């Protein structure tokens, strides 16, 4: 009798494990199906397509297999008058544009931290201030771009109207290759400084024990000393996470502004890799070449993220 009871309990335990297993995978299944359908399969299709020449408007069965020719044309070199030059000089110019715009990341992070420290104060009206600063992050990109296109207009823009009494004729923000990228950086910093990075920093600041600041004050620490030896080290994991996510977003950014405001100009100075992918795929109908650019972009994002995680992660762990 005892053997039958033990066997029954064993079967029940096994069934309970199966129920837990099935229940867990049932909850994961919708998200996994979405990832498989909308992420993994398109990424795999893009990898296959990068080895073909296909102009989109013709059937898929007319695609021509070209092997690594798309990647060679994209990143290879050729000899011109005894000098090696890039096969596709536009790719390197647009990669430079993308990286240049990413120099606004540390400025934006510093601004987010500063705003978070201000909003961490217990002052009247702080809840309303948090909502106002966060508002640009939830607004659609189209009205933000139209707003800044009006502000940066050379002739009747509000910024040049404010500068005209001081410097006379205002700068040609969106018509000058030297100023268009800084103008985009200003736009991105304004839109993101009070957004999700600020919320993450605010959450990190509220998680720092007050006792540490009191101990630092007893030791005679100034405001700068508390910031340097208490706040910044304890915000290390938050800063590390924001840095990685900002790098990923930076490599994938710049499309909306270029598409809506400058169409990649002037002289390609605001064309980023994302906009270059769009041009190849949907303006020039070179889908295979666009897929090759997309995969090069993926490898760049993966490489930079891995380097940041390798070096920054060790530093965070030692804090």
C-alpha atoms as a PDB file:
ATOM      1  CA  UNK A   1       0.000   0.000   0.000  1.00  0.00           C
ATOM      2  CA  UNK A   2       2.829   2.283   0.805  1.00  0.00           C
ATOM      3  CA  UNK A   3       4.450   1.543  -2.555  1.00  0.00           C
ATOM      4  CA  UNK A   4       1.231   2.511  -4.381  1.00  0.00           C
ATOM      5  CA  UNK A   5       0.995   5.740  -2.398  1.00  0.00           C
ATOM      6  CA  UNK A   6       4.583   6.597  -3.143  1.00  0.00           C
ATOM      7  CA  UNK A   7       4.052   5.877  -6.837  1.00  0.00           C
ATOM      8  CA  UNK A   8       0.922   8.040  -6.858  1.00  0.00           C
ATOM      9  CA  UNK A   9       2.766  10.892  -5.163  1.00  0.00           C
ATOM     10  CA  UNK A  10       5.614  10.574  -7.641  1.00  0.00           C
ATOM     11  CA  UNK A  11       3.211  10.753 -10.602  1.00  0.00           C
ATOM     12  CA  UNK A  12       1.471  13.760  -9.050  1.00  0.00           C
ATOM     13  CA  UNK A  13       4.795  15.492  -8.487  1.00  0.00           C
ATOM     14  CA  UNK A  14       5.788  14.857 -12.096  1.00  0.00           C
ATOM     15  CA  UNK A  15       2.448  16.213 -13.341  1.00  0.00           C
ATOM     16  CA  UNK A  16       2.833  19.310 -11.175  1.00  0.00           C
ATOM     17  CA  UNK A  17       6.252  19.922 -12.713  1.00  0.00           C
ATOM     18  CA  UNK A  18       4.797  19.536 -16.202  1.00  0.00           C
ATOM     19  CA  UNK A  19       1.974  21.939 -15.360  1.00  0.00           C
ATOM     20  CA  UNK A  20       4.481  24.515 -14.120  1.00  0.00           C
ATOM     21  CA  UNK A  21       6.592  23.997 -17.228  1.00  0.00           C
ATOM     22  CA  UNK A  22       3.618  24.287 -19.590  1.00  0.00           C
ATOM     23  CA  UNK A  23       2.246  27.312 -17.742  1.00  0.00           C
ATOM     24  CA  UNK A  24       5.565  29.109 -17.894  1.00  0.00           C
ATOM     25  CA  UNK A  25       6.006  28.514 -21.610  1.00  0.00           C
ATOM     26  CA  UNK A  26       2.387  29.485 -22.276  1.00  0.00           C
ATOM     27  CA  UNK A  27       3.108  32.927 -20.802  1.00  0.00           C
ATOM     28  CA  UNK A  28       6.323  33.252 -22.825  1.00  0.00           C
ATOM     29  CA  UNK A  29       4.847  31.933 -26.084  1.00  0.00           C
ATOM     30  CA  UNK A  30       3.121  35.161 -27.326  1.00  0.00           C
ATOM     31  CA  UNK A  31       6.245  37.254 -26.812  1.00  0.00           C
ATOM     32  CA  UNK A  32       8.442  34.557 -28.362  1.00  0.00           C
ATOM     33  CA  UNK A  33       6.099  34.281 -31.352  1.00  0.00           C
ATOM     34  CA  UNK A  34       6.263  38.047 -31.847  1.00  0.00           C
ATOM     35  CA  UNK A  35      10.064  37.996 -31.611  1.00  0.00           C
ATOM     36  CA  UNK A  36      10.249  35.107 -34.081  1.00  0.00           C
ATOM     37  CA  UNK A  37       7.840  36.687 -36.567  1.00  0.00           C
ATOM     38  CA  UNK A  38       8.862  40.344 -36.420  1.00  0.00           C
ATOM     39  CA  UNK A  39      12.553  40.190 -35.434  1.00  0.00           C
ATOM     40  CA  UNK A  40      14.346  36.893 -35.989  1.00  0.00           C
ATOM     41  CA  UNK A  41      12.830  36.025 -39.368  1.00  0.00           C
ATOM     42  CA  UNK A  42      13.314  39.530 -40.864  1.00  0.00           C
ATOM     43  CA  UNK A  43      16.902  39.615 -39.596  1.00  0.00           C
ATOM     44  CA  UNK A  44      17.591  36.216 -41.138  1.00  0.00           C
ATOM     45  CA  UNK A  45      15.918  37.270 -44.393  1.00  0.00           C
ATOM     46  CA  UNK A  46      18.049  40.429 -44.481  1.00  0.00           C
ATOM     47  CA  UNK A  47      21.202  38.351 -44.057  1.00  0.00           C
ATOM     48  CA  UNK A  48      20.232  36.127 -46.984  1.00  0.00           C
ATOM     49  CA  UNK A  49      19.208  39.133 -49.063  1.00  0.00           C
ATOM     50  CA  UNK A  50      22.573  40.818 -48.494  1.00  0.00           C
ATOM     51  CA  UNK A  51      24.149  38.207 -50.791  1.00  0.00           C
ATOM     52  CA  UNK A  52      21.790  39.066 -53.665  1.00  0.00           C
ATOM     53  CA  UNK A  53      21.145  41.903 -56.095  1.00  0.00           C
ATOM     54  CA  UNK A  54      17.418  42.677 -56.148  1.00  0.00           C
ATOM     55  CA  UNK A  55      15.646  45.888 -57.131  1.00  0.00           C
ATOM     56  CA  UNK A  56      12.357  45.253 -55.224  1.00  0.00           C
ATOM     57  CA  UNK A  57      10.061  46.072 -58.142  1.00  0.00           C
ATOM     58  CA  UNK A  58      10.741  42.716 -59.815  1.00  0.00           C
ATOM     59  CA  UNK A  59       9.726  39.294 -58.439  1.00  0.00           C
ATOM     60  CA  UNK A  60      11.930  37.708 -55.798  1.00  0.00           C
ATOM     61  CA  UNK A  61      12.868  34.827 -58.092  1.00  0.00           C
ATOM     62  CA  UNK A  62      14.674  37.322 -60.339  1.00  0.00           C
ATOM     63  CA  UNK A  63      17.171  38.176 -57.593  1.00  0.00           C
ATOM     64  CA  UNK A  64      20.772  37.579 -58.672  1.00  0.00           C
ATOM     65  CA  UNK A  65      23.206  35.889 -56.280  1.00  0.00           C
ATOM     66  CA  UNK A  66      26.353  38.026 -55.999  1.00  0.00           C
ATOM     67  CA  UNK A  67      28.023  36.523 -52.924  1.00  0.00           C
ATOM     68  CA  UNK A  68      30.054  39.080 -50.979  1.00  0.00           C
ATOM     69  CA  UNK A  69      29.992  41.717 -53.733  1.00  0.00           C
ATOM     70  CA  UNK A  70      27.648  43.994 -51.776  1.00  0.00           C
ATOM     71  CA  UNK A  71      29.967  43.970 -48.757  1.00  0.00           C
ATOM     72  CA  UNK A  72      33.068  44.421 -50.924  1.00  0.00           C
ATOM     73  CA  UNK A  73      31.494  47.390 -52.695  1.00  0.00           C
ATOM     74  CA  UNK A  74      30.390  48.826 -49.370  1.00  0.00           C
ATOM     75  CA  UNK A  75      33.632  48.561 -47.416  1.00  0.00           C
ATOM     76  CA  UNK A  76      36.295  47.715 -50.005  1.00  0.00           C
ATOM     77  CA  UNK A  77      38.958  49.884 -51.632  1.00  0.00           C
ATOM     78  CA  UNK A  78      39.855  50.617 -55.254  1.00  0.00           C
ATOM     79  CA  UNK A  79      42.858  52.209 -56.904  1.00  0.00           C
ATOM     80  CA  UNK A  80      42.439  55.564 -58.619  1.00  0.00           C
ATOM     81  CA  UNK A  81      45.555  57.193 -60.113  1.00  0.00           C
ATOM     82  CA  UNK A  82      47.785  55.139 -57.851  1.00  0.00           C
ATOM     83  CA  UNK A  83      45.785  56.010 -54.711  1.00  0.00           C
ATOM     84  CA  UNK A  84      43.512  53.701 -52.781  1.00  0.00           C
ATOM     85  CA  UNK A  85      40.055  55.178 -52.257  1.00  0.00           C
ATOM     86  CA  UNK A  86      36.848  53.755 -50.848  1.00  0.00           C
ATOM     87  CA  UNK A  87      34.558  52.008 -53.306  1.00  0.00           C
ATOM     88  CA  UNK A  88      31.552  53.675 -51.693  1.00  0.00           C
ATOM     89  CA  UNK A  89      32.718  56.962 -50.197  1.00  0.00           C
ATOM     90  CA  UNK A  90      29.185  57.811 -49.129  1.00  0.00           C
ATOM     91  CA  UNK A  91      29.126  54.955 -46.619  1.00  0.00           C
ATOM     92  CA  UNK A  92      32.160  56.308 -44.775  1.00  0.00           C
ATOM     93  CA  UNK A  93      30.817  59.855 -44.871  1.00  0.00           C
ATOM     94  CA  UNK A  94      27.486  58.721 -43.436  1.00  0.00           C
ATOM     95  CA  UNK A  95      29.224  56.605 -40.805  1.00  0.00           C
ATOM     96  CA  UNK A  96      31.147  59.740 -39.805  1.00  0.00           C
ATOM     97  CA  UNK A  97      27.870  61.669 -39.624  1.00  0.00           C
ATOM     98  CA  UNK A  98      26.355  58.990 -37.395  1.00  0.00           C
ATOM     99  CA  UNK A  99      29.297  58.961 -35.003  1.00  0.00           C
ATOM    100  CA  UNK A 100      29.494  62.765 -34.983  1.00  0.00           C
ATOM    101  CA  UNK A 101      25.878  63.014 -33.864  1.00  0.00           C
ATOM    102  CA  UNK A 102      26.647  60.537 -31.069  1.00  0.00           C
ATOM    103  CA  UNK A 103      28.958  63.088 -29.457  1.00  0.00           C
ATOM    104  CA  UNK A 104      25.777  64.624 -28.104  1.00  0.00           C
ATOM    105  CA  UNK A 105      25.242  61.527 -25.928  1.00  0.00           C
ATOM    106  CA  UNK A 106      27.529  62.568 -23.017  1.00  0.00           C
ATOM    107  CA  UNK A 107      26.090  66.100 -23.101  1.00  0.00           C
ATOM    108  CA  UNK A 108      22.575  64.709 -22.944  1.00  0.00           C
ATOM    109  CA  UNK A 109      23.497  62.319 -20.124  1.00  0.00           C
ATOM    110  CA  UNK A 110      25.039  65.137 -18.111  1.00  0.00           C
ATOM    111  CA  UNK A 111      21.926  67.246 -18.670  1.00  0.00           C
ATOM    112  CA  UNK A 112      19.674  64.364 -17.607  1.00  0.00           C
ATOM    113  CA  UNK A 113      21.670  63.878 -14.412  1.00  0.00           C
ATOM    114  CA  UNK A 114      21.533  67.591 -13.646  1.00  0.00           C
ATOM    115  CA  UNK A 115      17.766  67.696 -14.167  1.00  0.00           C
ATOM    116  CA  UNK A 116      17.321  64.553 -12.073  1.00  0.00           C
ATOM    117  CA  UNK A 117      19.252  66.153  -9.206  1.00  0.00           C
ATOM    118  CA  UNK A 118      17.029  69.239  -9.441  1.00  0.00           C
ATOM    119  CA  UNK A 119      13.847  67.169  -9.544  1.00  0.00           C
ATOM    120  CA  UNK A 120      15.036  65.122  -6.581  1.00  0.00           C
ATOM    121  CA  UNK A 121      14.622  68.200  -4.388  1.00  0.00           C
ATOM    122  CA  UNK A 122      11.464  68.479  -2.293  1.00  0.00           C
ATOM    123  CA  UNK A 123      10.150  71.742  -3.663  1.00  0.00           C
ATOM    124  CA  UNK A 124       6.661  72.994  -4.468  1.00  0.00           C
ATOM    125  CA  UNK A 125       5.511  72.289  -8.010  1.00  0.00           C
ATOM    126  CA  UNK A 126       8.119  69.592  -8.614  1.00  0.00           C
ATOM    127  CA  UNK A 127       5.550  67.067  -9.897  1.00  0.00           C
ATOM    128  CA  UNK A 128       4.377  69.526 -12.556  1.00  0.00           C
ATOM    129  CA  UNK A 129       7.997  70.292 -13.488  1.00  0.00           C
ATOM    130  CA  UNK A 130       8.739  66.601 -13.979  1.00  0.00           C
ATOM    131  CA  UNK A 131       5.754  66.296 -16.329  1.00  0.00           C
ATOM    132  CA  UNK A 132       6.810  69.342 -18.351  1.00  0.00           C
ATOM    133  CA  UNK A 133      10.395  68.131 -18.798  1.00  0.00           C
ATOM    134  CA  UNK A 134       9.216  64.638 -19.750  1.00  0.00           C
ATOM    135  CA  UNK A 135       6.671  65.899 -22.290  1.00  0.00           C
ATOM    136  CA  UNK A 136       9.034  66.067 -25.336  1.00  0.00           C
ATOM    137  CA  UNK A 137       9.835  62.367 -24.889  1.00  0.00           C
ATOM    138  CA  UNK A 138       6.242  61.289 -25.440  1.00  0.00           C
ATOM    139  CA  UNK A 139       5.387  63.721 -28.225  1.00  0.00           C
ATOM    140  CA  UNK A 140       5.371  62.339 -31.794  1.00  0.00           C
ATOM    141  CA  UNK A 141       8.528  62.974 -33.779  1.00  0.00           C
ATOM    142  CA  UNK A 142       6.764  64.821 -36.598  1.00  0.00           C
ATOM    143  CA  UNK A 143       5.584  67.890 -34.619  1.00  0.00           C
ATOM    144  CA  UNK A 144       8.944  68.092 -32.831  1.00  0.00           C
ATOM    145  CA  UNK A 145      10.793  68.138 -36.161  1.00  0.00           C
ATOM    146  CA  UNK A 146       8.414  70.728 -37.602  1.00  0.00           C
ATOM    147  CA  UNK A 147       8.848  72.864 -34.494  1.00  0.00           C
ATOM    148  CA  UNK A 148      12.628  72.808 -34.761  1.00  0.00           C
ATOM    149  CA  UNK A 149      12.514  73.367 -38.512  1.00  0.00           C
ATOM    150  CA  UNK A 150      10.658  76.596 -37.768  1.00  0.00           C
ATOM    151  CA  UNK A 151      12.976  77.566 -34.907  1.00  0.00           C
ATOM    152  CA  UNK A 152      16.112  76.987 -37.022  1.00  0.00           C
ATOM    153  CA  UNK A 153      14.855  78.655 -40.180  1.00  0.00           C
ATOM    154  CA  UNK A 154      17.486  81.060 -41.486  1.00  0.00           C
ATOM    155  CA  UNK A 155      15.175  83.913 -42.481  1.00  0.00           C
ATOM    156  CA  UNK A 156      12.276  83.924 -40.000  1.00  0.00           C
ATOM    157  CA  UNK A 157      13.241  81.356 -37.365  1.00  0.00           C
ATOM    158  CA  UNK A 158      12.831  82.338 -33.732  1.00  0.00           C
ATOM    159  CA  UNK A 159      16.471  81.535 -32.843  1.00  0.00           C
ATOM    160  CA  UNK A 160      17.910  83.756 -35.563  1.00  0.00           C
ATOM    161  CA  UNK A 161      15.384  86.460 -34.693  1.00  0.00           C
ATOM    162  CA  UNK A 162      16.790  86.455 -31.148  1.00  0.00           C
ATOM    163  CA  UNK A 163      20.387  86.491 -32.425  1.00  0.00           C
ATOM    164  CA  UNK A 164      19.875  89.177 -35.072  1.00  0.00           C
ATOM    165  CA  UNK A 165      20.251  92.180 -32.707  1.00  0.00           C
ATOM    166  CA  UNK A 166      23.529  90.701 -31.431  1.00  0.00           C
ATOM    167  CA  UNK A 167      25.286  89.276 -34.490  1.00  0.00           C
ATOM    168  CA  UNK A 168      23.259  90.671 -37.394  1.00  0.00           C
ATOM    169  CA  UNK A 169      22.496  87.965 -39.944  1.00  0.00           C
ATOM    170  CA  UNK A 170      21.853  84.668 -38.170  1.00  0.00           C
ATOM    171  CA  UNK A 171      23.559  81.378 -39.059  1.00  0.00           C
ATOM    172  CA  UNK A 172      22.163  79.155 -41.808  1.00  0.00           C
ATOM    173  CA  UNK A 173      21.531  76.280 -39.416  1.00  0.00           C
ATOM    174  CA  UNK A 174      19.968  73.760 -41.771  1.00  0.00           C
ATOM    175  CA  UNK A 175      21.572  75.009 -45.000  1.00  0.00           C
ATOM    176  CA  UNK A 176      25.212  74.792 -43.923  1.00  0.00           C
ATOM    177  CA  UNK A 177      27.088  71.457 -43.885  1.00  0.00           C
ATOM    178  CA  UNK A 178      29.114  72.715 -40.906  1.00  0.00           C
ATOM    179  CA  UNK A 179      26.065  73.678 -38.800  1.00  0.00           C
ATOM    180  CA  UNK A 180      23.439  71.112 -39.762  1.00  0.00           C
ATOM    181  CA  UNK A 181      24.838  68.313 -37.580  1.00  0.00           C
ATOM    182  CA  UNK A 182      25.254  70.547 -34.478  1.00  0.00           C
ATOM    183  CA  UNK A 183      21.674  71.721 -35.042  1.00  0.00           C
ATOM    184  CA  UNK A 184      20.513  68.095 -35.022  1.00  0.00           C
ATOM    185  CA  UNK A 185      22.509  67.490 -31.846  1.00  0.00           C
ATOM    186  CA  UNK A 186      20.818  70.438 -30.117  1.00  0.00           C
ATOM    187  CA  UNK A 187      17.447  69.117 -31.217  1.00  0.00           C
ATOM    188  CA  UNK A 188      18.178  65.629 -29.886  1.00  0.00           C
ATOM    189  CA  UNK A 189      19.482  66.908 -26.549  1.00  0.00           C
ATOM    190  CA  UNK A 190      16.423  69.113 -26.063  1.00  0.00           C
ATOM    191  CA  UNK A 191      14.050  66.249 -26.835  1.00  0.00           C
ATOM    192  CA  UNK A 192      15.781  63.652 -24.659  1.00  0.00           C
ATOM    193  CA  UNK A 193      17.366  65.432 -21.711  1.00  0.00           C
ATOM    194  CA  UNK A 194      14.222  65.273 -19.584  1.00  0.00           C
ATOM    195  CA  UNK A 195      13.090  61.873 -20.832  1.00  0.00           C
ATOM    196  CA  UNK A 196      13.724  58.297 -19.829  1.00  0.00           C
ATOM    197  CA  UNK A 197      17.384  58.828 -18.929  1.00  0.00           C
ATOM    198  CA  UNK A 198      16.324  61.520 -16.478  1.00  0.00           C
ATOM    199  CA  UNK A 199      13.757  59.148 -14.957  1.00  0.00           C
ATOM    200  CA  UNK A 200      16.386  56.445 -14.556  1.00  0.00           C
ATOM    201  CA  UNK A 201      18.767  58.852 -12.876  1.00  0.00           C
ATOM    202  CA  UNK A 202      15.955  60.105 -10.633  1.00  0.00           C
ATOM    203  CA  UNK A 203      15.154  56.543  -9.571  1.00  0.00           C
ATOM    204  CA  UNK A 204      18.845  55.929  -8.895  1.00  0.00           C
ATOM    205  CA  UNK A 205      19.145  59.088  -6.797  1.00  0.00           C
ATOM    206  CA  UNK A 206      16.119  58.159  -4.714  1.00  0.00           C
ATOM    207  CA  UNK A 207      17.682  54.766  -4.042  1.00  0.00           C
ATOM    208  CA  UNK A 208      20.825  56.239  -2.444  1.00  0.00           C
ATOM    209  CA  UNK A 209      20.590  56.067   1.378  1.00  0.00           C
ATOM    210  CA  UNK A 210      20.482  59.462   3.058  1.00  0.00           C
ATOM    211  CA  UNK A 211      22.826  58.171   5.736  1.00  0.00           C
ATOM    212  CA  UNK A 212      25.708  58.254   3.283  1.00  0.00           C
ATOM    213  CA  UNK A 213      25.224  61.969   2.633  1.00  0.00           C
ATOM    214  CA  UNK A 214      24.952  62.650   6.366  1.00  0.00           C
ATOM    215  CA  UNK A 215      28.179  60.734   6.993  1.00  0.00           C
ATOM    216  CA  UNK A 216      29.901  62.666   4.222  1.00  0.00           C
ATOM    217  CA  UNK A 217      28.758  65.966   5.735  1.00  0.00           C
ATOM    218  CA  UNK A 218      30.146  64.915   9.128  1.00  0.00           C
ATOM    219  CA  UNK A 219      33.477  64.261   7.415  1.00  0.00           C
ATOM    220  CA  UNK A 220      33.386  67.801   6.021  1.00  0.00           C
ATOM    221  CA  UNK A 221      32.542  66.909   2.423  1.00  0.00           C
ATOM    222  CA  UNK A 222      31.401  69.767   0.196  1.00  0.00           C
ATOM    223  CA  UNK A 223      28.666  69.555  -2.442  1.00  0.00           C
ATOM    224  CA  UNK A 224      31.270  68.538  -5.004  1.00  0.00           C
ATOM    225  CA  UNK A 225      32.751  65.967  -2.632  1.00  0.00           C
ATOM    226  CA  UNK A 226      29.367  64.330  -2.040  1.00  0.00           C
ATOM    227  CA  UNK A 227      28.693  64.299  -5.773  1.00  0.00           C
ATOM    228  CA  UNK A 228      32.075  62.797  -6.596  1.00  0.00           C
ATOM    229  CA  UNK A 229      32.404  60.242  -3.804  1.00  0.00           C
ATOM    230  CA  UNK A 230      28.785  59.294  -3.097  1.00  0.00           C
ATOM    231  CA  UNK A 231      26.380  60.157  -5.903  1.00  0.00           C
ATOM    232  CA  UNK A 232      28.383  59.318  -9.013  1.00  0.00           C
ATOM    233  CA  UNK A 233      29.817  55.988  -7.753  1.00  0.00           C
ATOM    234  CA  UNK A 234      26.425  54.736  -6.597  1.00  0.00           C
ATOM    235  CA  UNK A 235      24.884  55.818  -9.899  1.00  0.00           C
ATOM    236  CA  UNK A 236      27.506  53.776 -11.750  1.00  0.00           C
ATOM    237  CA  UNK A 237      25.178  50.898 -12.754  1.00  0.00           C
ATOM    238  CA  UNK A 238      22.530  53.375 -13.930  1.00  0.00           C
ATOM    239  CA  UNK A 239      25.077  55.340 -15.959  1.00  0.00           C
ATOM    240  CA  UNK A 240      26.424  52.114 -17.444  1.00  0.00           C
ATOM    241  CA  UNK A 241      22.954  51.009 -18.568  1.00  0.00           C
ATOM    242  CA  UNK A 242      22.140  54.438 -20.017  1.00  0.00           C
ATOM    243  CA  UNK A 243      25.467  54.493 -21.880  1.00  0.00           C
ATOM    244  CA  UNK A 244      24.852  51.142 -23.568  1.00  0.00           C
ATOM    245  CA  UNK A 245      21.279  51.998 -24.547  1.00  0.00           C
ATOM    246  CA  UNK A 246      22.348  55.437 -25.801  1.00  0.00           C
ATOM    247  CA  UNK A 247      25.051  53.915 -28.012  1.00  0.00           C
ATOM    248  CA  UNK A 248      22.541  51.509 -29.541  1.00  0.00           C
ATOM    249  CA  UNK A 249      20.028  54.308 -30.120  1.00  0.00           C
ATOM    250  CA  UNK A 250      22.756  56.611 -31.432  1.00  0.00           C
ATOM    251  CA  UNK A 251      23.781  54.210 -34.208  1.00  0.00           C
ATOM    252  CA  UNK A 252      20.121  53.789 -35.137  1.00  0.00           C
ATOM    253  CA  UNK A 253      19.228  57.470 -34.862  1.00  0.00           C
ATOM    254  CA  UNK A 254      19.046  60.428 -37.189  1.00  0.00           C
ATOM    255  CA  UNK A 255      16.528  59.006 -39.644  1.00  0.00           C
ATOM    256  CA  UNK A 256      13.455  60.983 -38.599  1.00  0.00           C
ATOM    257  CA  UNK A 257      15.192  64.370 -38.608  1.00  0.00           C
ATOM    258  CA  UNK A 258      16.908  63.724 -41.931  1.00  0.00           C
ATOM    259  CA  UNK A 259      13.727  62.435 -43.566  1.00  0.00           C
ATOM    260  CA  UNK A 260      11.438  65.221 -42.354  1.00  0.00           C
ATOM    261  CA  UNK A 261      13.728  68.264 -42.271  1.00  0.00           C
ATOM    262  CA  UNK A 262      16.767  68.045 -44.561  1.00  0.00           C
ATOM    263  CA  UNK A 263      16.304  64.903 -46.703  1.00  0.00           C
ATOM    264  CA  UNK A 264      19.896  64.083 -45.804  1.00  0.00           C
ATOM    265  CA  UNK A 265      21.349  67.414 -46.959  1.00  0.00           C
ATOM    266  CA  UNK A 266      23.000  69.753 -47.324  1.00  0.00           C
ATOM    267  CA  UNK A 267      25.585  67.784 -49.320  1.00  0.00           C
ATOM    268  CA  UNK A 268      24.824  64.634 -47.347  1.00  0.00           C
ATOM    269  CA  UNK A 269      25.937  66.211 -44.067  1.00  0.00           C
ATOM    270  CA  UNK A 270      22.889  64.941 -42.128  1.00  0.00           C
ATOM    271  CA  UNK A 271      22.544  61.524 -43.788  1.00  0.00           C
ATOM    272  CA  UNK A 272      23.076  58.782 -41.225  1.00  0.00           C
ATOM    273  CA  UNK A 273      23.419  55.056 -41.802  1.00  0.00           C
ATOM    274  CA  UNK A 274      19.729  54.507 -41.069  1.00  0.00           C
ATOM    275  CA  UNK A 275      18.723  57.055 -43.695  1.00  0.00           C
ATOM    276  CA  UNK A 276      21.274  55.545 -46.111  1.00  0.00           C
ATOM    277  CA  UNK A 277      19.569  52.164 -45.674  1.00  0.00           C
ATOM    278  CA  UNK A 278      16.217  53.773 -46.451  1.00  0.00           C
ATOM    279  CA  UNK A 279      17.599  55.482 -49.558  1.00  0.00           C
ATOM    280  CA  UNK A 280      19.072  52.264 -50.943  1.00  0.00           C
ATOM    281  CA  UNK A 281      15.975  50.207 -50.250  1.00  0.00           C
ATOM    282  CA  UNK A 282      13.087  52.535 -51.120  1.00  0.00           C
ATOM    283  CA  UNK A 283      14.535  55.327 -53.264  1.00  0.00           C
ATOM    284  CA  UNK A 284      17.142  53.524 -55.357  1.00  0.00           C
ATOM    285  CA  UNK A 285      15.538  50.038 -55.034  1.00  0.00           C
ATOM    286  CA  UNK A 286      18.811  48.319 -54.152  1.00  0.00           C
ATOM    287  CA  UNK A 287      17.402  46.011 -51.513  1.00  0.00           C
ATOM    288  CA  UNK A 288      20.393  43.664 -51.378  1.00  0.00           C
ATOM    289  CA  UNK A 289      22.796  46.547 -50.862  1.00  0.00           C
ATOM    290  CA  UNK A 290      20.517  48.022 -48.188  1.00  0.00           C
ATOM    291  CA  UNK A 291      20.508  44.661 -46.385  1.00  0.00           C
ATOM    292  CA  UNK A 292      24.327  44.638 -46.478  1.00  0.00           C
ATOM    293  CA  UNK A 293      24.452  48.129 -44.947  1.00  0.00           C
ATOM    294  CA  UNK A 294      21.971  47.016 -42.290  1.00  0.00           C
ATOM    295  CA  UNK A 295      24.136  44.062 -41.329  1.00  0.00           C
ATOM    296  CA  UNK A 296      27.264  46.203 -41.172  1.00  0.00           C
ATOM    297  CA  UNK A 297      25.343  48.550 -38.898  1.00  0.00           C
ATOM    298  CA  UNK A 298      24.314  45.594 -36.732  1.00  0.00           C
ATOM    299  CA  UNK A 299      27.932  44.472 -36.412  1.00  0.00           C
ATOM    300  CA  UNK A 300      28.996  48.012 -35.482  1.00  0.00           C
ATOM    301  CA  UNK A 301      26.318  48.230 -32.795  1.00  0.00           C
ATOM    302  CA  UNK A 302      27.218  44.783 -31.481  1.00  0.00           C
ATOM    303  CA  UNK A 303      30.936  45.564 -31.425  1.00  0.00           C
ATOM    304  CA  UNK A 304      30.633  48.918 -29.667  1.00  0.00           C
ATOM    305  CA  UNK A 305      28.135  47.493 -27.173  1.00  0.00           C
ATOM    306  CA  UNK A 306      30.435  44.572 -26.438  1.00  0.00           C
ATOM    307  CA  UNK A 307      33.424  46.863 -25.879  1.00  0.00           C
ATOM    308  CA  UNK A 308      31.393  49.116 -23.599  1.00  0.00           C
ATOM    309  CA  UNK A 309      30.111  46.140 -21.635  1.00  0.00           C
ATOM    310  CA  UNK A 310      33.570  44.605 -21.366  1.00  0.00           C
ATOM    311  CA  UNK A 311      35.369  47.698 -20.079  1.00  0.00           C
ATOM    312  CA  UNK A 312      32.520  49.585 -18.407  1.00  0.00           C
ATOM    313  CA  UNK A 313      31.096  46.494 -16.730  1.00  0.00           C
ATOM    314  CA  UNK A 314      34.344  45.744 -14.921  1.00  0.00           C
ATOM    315  CA  UNK A 315      34.525  49.309 -13.664  1.00  0.00           C
ATOM    316  CA  UNK A 316      30.944  49.187 -12.387  1.00  0.00           C
ATOM    317  CA  UNK A 317      31.620  45.933 -10.557  1.00  0.00           C
ATOM    318  CA  UNK A 318      34.591  47.477  -8.735  1.00  0.00           C
ATOM    319  CA  UNK A 319      32.580  50.434  -7.418  1.00  0.00           C
END
